[in-house]
Amino acid sequence: KWRNFCESFKEEIEDYNMGTLLRLDCEGDYTPENTTFSVRTQFLAIEIARNKEGYNSCVLRKKQQHEAEKQQNKEVLPETTTQDS
């Protein structure tokens, strides 16, 4: 199934048939258990579908949460100044 699909993008996608790593569960990290090998066209098709269906929203939420925590920590920690002796 994938071969004909990938071949149809031969002229449009640079390195269309080169290998890349793909997360099986988009909410998980790139680990040996959560990673498989795919060709670039397949990777792009799956990631585009995940984006359209909202599956990658968790990545954005995690980033926003991390940024908020970072900002919160910045506000909690007092600024230190050094004085020359």
N, C-alpha and C. Protein backbone atom coordinates (compact mmCIF):
# COMPACT_ATOMS: atom_id res chain seq x y z
N LYS A 1 0.82 -1.20 0.00
CA LYS A 1 0.00 0.00 0.00
C LYS A 1 0.87 1.26 0.00
N TRP A 2 1.84 1.30 0.88
CA TRP A 2 2.65 2.50 1.02
C TRP A 2 3.55 2.76 -0.19
N ARG A 3 4.03 1.70 -0.82
CA ARG A 3 4.99 1.88 -1.90
C ARG A 3 4.45 2.75 -3.03
N ASN A 4 3.26 2.45 -3.51
CA ASN A 4 2.67 3.24 -4.59
C ASN A 4 2.41 4.68 -4.14
N PHE A 5 1.95 4.83 -2.91
CA PHE A 5 1.71 6.17 -2.37
C PHE A 5 3.01 6.97 -2.34
N CYS A 6 4.06 6.38 -1.80
CA CYS A 6 5.35 7.06 -1.69
C CYS A 6 5.93 7.39 -3.07
N GLU A 7 5.83 6.46 -3.98
CA GLU A 7 6.35 6.69 -5.34
C GLU A 7 5.63 7.84 -6.04
N SER A 8 4.38 8.08 -5.69
CA SER A 8 3.64 9.17 -6.33
C SER A 8 4.18 10.55 -5.94
N PHE A 9 5.00 10.62 -4.89
CA PHE A 9 5.59 11.89 -4.45
C PHE A 9 7.07 11.99 -4.81
N LYS A 10 7.51 11.13 -5.68
CA LYS A 10 8.92 11.06 -6.07
C LYS A 10 9.47 12.41 -6.53
N GLU A 11 8.69 13.15 -7.29
CA GLU A 11 9.14 14.43 -7.84
C GLU A 11 8.90 15.60 -6.88
N GLU A 12 7.99 15.46 -5.94
CA GLU A 12 7.62 16.57 -5.06
C GLU A 12 8.41 16.64 -3.76
N ILE A 13 8.80 15.50 -3.22
CA ILE A 13 9.45 15.45 -1.91
C ILE A 13 10.90 15.02 -2.06
N GLU A 14 11.80 15.90 -1.65
CA GLU A 14 13.22 15.58 -1.68
C GLU A 14 13.49 14.40 -0.73
N ASP A 15 14.30 13.48 -1.16
CA ASP A 15 14.64 12.29 -0.35
C ASP A 15 13.38 11.54 0.09
N TYR A 16 12.40 11.46 -0.80
CA TYR A 16 11.10 10.87 -0.49
C TYR A 16 11.19 9.44 0.04
N ASN A 17 12.23 8.71 -0.34
CA ASN A 17 12.32 7.30 0.08
C ASN A 17 13.45 7.04 1.07
N MET A 18 13.98 8.10 1.67
CA MET A 18 15.03 7.94 2.68
C MET A 18 14.39 7.55 4.01
N GLY A 19 15.12 6.85 4.82
CA GLY A 19 14.59 6.38 6.10
C GLY A 19 14.58 7.45 7.17
N THR A 20 13.64 7.34 8.07
CA THR A 20 13.53 8.24 9.22
C THR A 20 12.87 7.50 10.38
N LEU A 21 13.00 8.06 11.56
CA LEU A 21 12.38 7.47 12.74
C LEU A 21 11.00 8.07 12.94
N LEU A 22 10.06 7.23 13.35
CA LEU A 22 8.68 7.64 13.56
C LEU A 22 8.23 7.15 14.93
N ARG A 23 7.65 8.05 15.72
CA ARG A 23 7.10 7.63 17.02
C ARG A 23 5.79 6.88 16.78
N LEU A 24 5.64 5.75 17.42
CA LEU A 24 4.40 4.99 17.30
C LEU A 24 3.27 5.70 18.04
N ASP A 25 3.57 6.20 19.23
CA ASP A 25 2.62 6.97 20.04
C ASP A 25 3.13 8.40 20.08
N CYS A 26 2.41 9.33 19.48
CA CYS A 26 2.91 10.70 19.37
C CYS A 26 3.01 11.40 20.72
N GLU A 27 2.39 10.86 21.75
CA GLU A 27 2.51 11.46 23.08
C GLU A 27 3.77 11.01 23.79
N GLY A 28 4.39 9.97 23.31
CA GLY A 28 5.60 9.44 23.94
C GLY A 28 6.86 10.01 23.33
N ASP A 29 7.97 9.73 24.01
CA ASP A 29 9.27 10.17 23.53
C ASP A 29 9.82 9.21 22.48
N TYR A 30 10.92 9.60 21.88
CA TYR A 30 11.63 8.71 20.96
C TYR A 30 12.43 7.72 21.79
N THR A 31 11.85 6.56 22.04
CA THR A 31 12.52 5.49 22.77
C THR A 31 12.51 4.25 21.88
N PRO A 32 13.35 3.27 22.18
CA PRO A 32 13.35 2.05 21.36
C PRO A 32 11.97 1.39 21.28
N GLU A 33 11.21 1.45 22.37
CA GLU A 33 9.89 0.81 22.39
C GLU A 33 8.84 1.60 21.61
N ASN A 34 9.06 2.91 21.47
CA ASN A 34 8.06 3.77 20.85
C ASN A 34 8.50 4.29 19.48
N THR A 35 9.48 3.65 18.89
CA THR A 35 10.02 4.14 17.63
C THR A 35 10.06 3.03 16.59
N THR A 36 9.73 3.41 15.36
CA THR A 36 9.84 2.48 14.25
C THR A 36 10.51 3.21 13.09
N PHE A 37 10.91 2.47 12.11
CA PHE A 37 11.58 3.02 10.93
C PHE A 37 10.55 3.18 9.82
N SER A 38 10.60 4.32 9.14
CA SER A 38 9.70 4.53 8.00
C SER A 38 10.44 5.35 6.95
N VAL A 39 9.86 5.43 5.78
CA VAL A 39 10.44 6.30 4.76
C VAL A 39 9.87 7.70 4.96
N ARG A 40 10.57 8.68 4.43
CA ARG A 40 10.22 10.08 4.69
C ARG A 40 8.78 10.41 4.28
N THR A 41 8.35 9.94 3.14
CA THR A 41 6.99 10.23 2.67
C THR A 41 5.95 9.67 3.64
N GLN A 42 6.19 8.47 4.13
CA GLN A 42 5.29 7.85 5.09
C GLN A 42 5.27 8.66 6.39
N PHE A 43 6.45 9.07 6.87
CA PHE A 43 6.55 9.89 8.07
C PHE A 43 5.73 11.18 7.92
N LEU A 44 5.93 11.87 6.80
CA LEU A 44 5.22 13.13 6.57
C LEU A 44 3.71 12.92 6.51
N ALA A 45 3.27 11.87 5.84
CA ALA A 45 1.83 11.59 5.73
C ALA A 45 1.22 11.33 7.10
N ILE A 46 1.91 10.55 7.93
CA ILE A 46 1.39 10.23 9.26
C ILE A 46 1.38 11.47 10.15
N GLU A 47 2.46 12.25 10.13
CA GLU A 47 2.51 13.46 10.96
C GLU A 47 1.49 14.50 10.52
N ILE A 48 1.27 14.64 9.21
CA ILE A 48 0.25 15.58 8.73
C ILE A 48 -1.13 15.13 9.20
N ALA A 49 -1.41 13.84 9.11
CA ALA A 49 -2.70 13.31 9.58
C ALA A 49 -2.85 13.53 11.08
N ARG A 50 -1.79 13.29 11.84
CA ARG A 50 -1.84 13.52 13.29
C ARG A 50 -2.14 14.98 13.60
N ASN A 51 -1.50 15.88 12.87
CA ASN A 51 -1.75 17.31 13.08
C ASN A 51 -3.19 17.68 12.75
N LYS A 52 -3.69 17.21 11.62
CA LYS A 52 -5.06 17.53 11.21
C LYS A 52 -6.09 16.99 12.19
N GLU A 53 -5.81 15.82 12.77
CA GLU A 53 -6.76 15.20 13.70
C GLU A 53 -6.52 15.63 15.14
N GLY A 54 -5.52 16.47 15.37
CA GLY A 54 -5.28 17.00 16.71
C GLY A 54 -4.47 16.13 17.64
N TYR A 55 -3.91 15.04 17.13
CA TYR A 55 -3.15 14.14 18.00
C TYR A 55 -1.85 14.75 18.51
N ASN A 56 -1.28 15.68 17.77
CA ASN A 56 -0.03 16.31 18.20
C ASN A 56 -0.27 17.51 19.11
N SER A 57 -1.51 17.79 19.46
CA SER A 57 -1.81 18.91 20.35
C SER A 57 -1.16 18.71 21.71
N CYS A 58 -0.98 17.47 22.10
CA CYS A 58 -0.35 17.18 23.40
C CYS A 58 1.07 17.72 23.44
N VAL A 59 1.76 17.72 22.33
CA VAL A 59 3.12 18.24 22.27
C VAL A 59 3.10 19.74 22.54
N LEU A 60 2.16 20.45 21.95
CA LEU A 60 2.02 21.89 22.17
C LEU A 60 1.66 22.17 23.62
N ARG A 61 0.72 21.39 24.18
CA ARG A 61 0.33 21.58 25.58
C ARG A 61 1.52 21.36 26.51
N LYS A 62 2.32 20.32 26.25
CA LYS A 62 3.49 20.06 27.08
C LYS A 62 4.47 21.22 27.01
N LYS A 63 4.68 21.76 25.82
CA LYS A 63 5.60 22.89 25.65
C LYS A 63 5.07 24.11 26.39
N GLN A 64 3.78 24.40 26.26
CA GLN A 64 3.19 25.54 26.94
C GLN A 64 3.28 25.38 28.45
N GLN A 65 3.04 24.16 28.94
CA GLN A 65 3.13 23.89 30.37
C GLN A 65 4.56 24.09 30.85
N HIS A 66 5.52 23.60 30.09
CA HIS A 66 6.93 23.75 30.44
C HIS A 66 7.31 25.23 30.49
N GLU A 67 6.87 26.00 29.50
CA GLU A 67 7.17 27.43 29.47
C GLU A 67 6.53 28.15 30.66
N ALA A 68 5.30 27.79 31.01
CA ALA A 68 4.62 28.40 32.15
C ALA A 68 5.35 28.08 33.45
N GLU A 69 5.78 26.83 33.61
CA GLU A 69 6.53 26.44 34.80
C GLU A 69 7.85 27.18 34.88
N LYS A 70 8.51 27.33 33.74
CA LYS A 70 9.77 28.05 33.68
C LYS A 70 9.56 29.51 34.11
N GLN A 71 8.51 30.13 33.61
CA GLN A 71 8.20 31.52 33.95
C GLN A 71 7.85 31.63 35.43
N GLN A 72 7.10 30.67 35.94
CA GLN A 72 6.71 30.67 37.35
C GLN A 72 7.95 30.55 38.24
N ASN A 73 8.86 29.68 37.88
CA ASN A 73 10.09 29.51 38.65
C ASN A 73 10.93 30.78 38.61
N LYS A 74 10.91 31.46 37.49
CA LYS A 74 11.66 32.70 37.34
C LYS A 74 11.11 33.77 38.29
N GLU A 75 9.79 33.80 38.44
CA GLU A 75 9.15 34.79 39.31
C GLU A 75 9.35 34.46 40.78
N VAL A 76 9.45 33.18 41.12
CA VAL A 76 9.60 32.74 42.51
C VAL A 76 11.02 32.97 43.01
N LEU A 77 12.00 32.69 42.18
CA LEU A 77 13.38 32.84 42.60
C LEU A 77 13.79 34.31 42.58
N PRO A 78 14.30 34.81 43.71
CA PRO A 78 14.75 36.20 43.71
C PRO A 78 16.02 36.34 42.89
N GLU A 79 16.16 37.48 42.28
CA GLU A 79 17.37 37.72 41.51
C GLU A 79 18.52 37.94 42.47
N THR A 80 19.65 37.36 42.15
CA THR A 80 20.83 37.55 42.99
C THR A 80 21.76 38.52 42.30
N THR A 81 22.41 39.29 43.11
CA THR A 81 23.39 40.23 42.57
C THR A 81 24.73 39.93 43.19
N THR A 82 25.74 40.15 42.45
CA THR A 82 27.08 39.94 42.98
C THR A 82 27.75 41.30 43.12
N GLN A 83 28.48 41.43 44.18
CA GLN A 83 29.20 42.68 44.43
C GLN A 83 30.68 42.40 44.39
N ASP A 84 31.41 43.29 43.80
CA ASP A 84 32.86 43.14 43.79
C ASP A 84 33.40 43.48 45.16
N SER A 85 34.30 42.67 45.67
CA SER A 85 34.88 42.92 46.99
C SER A 85 36.12 43.73 46.88
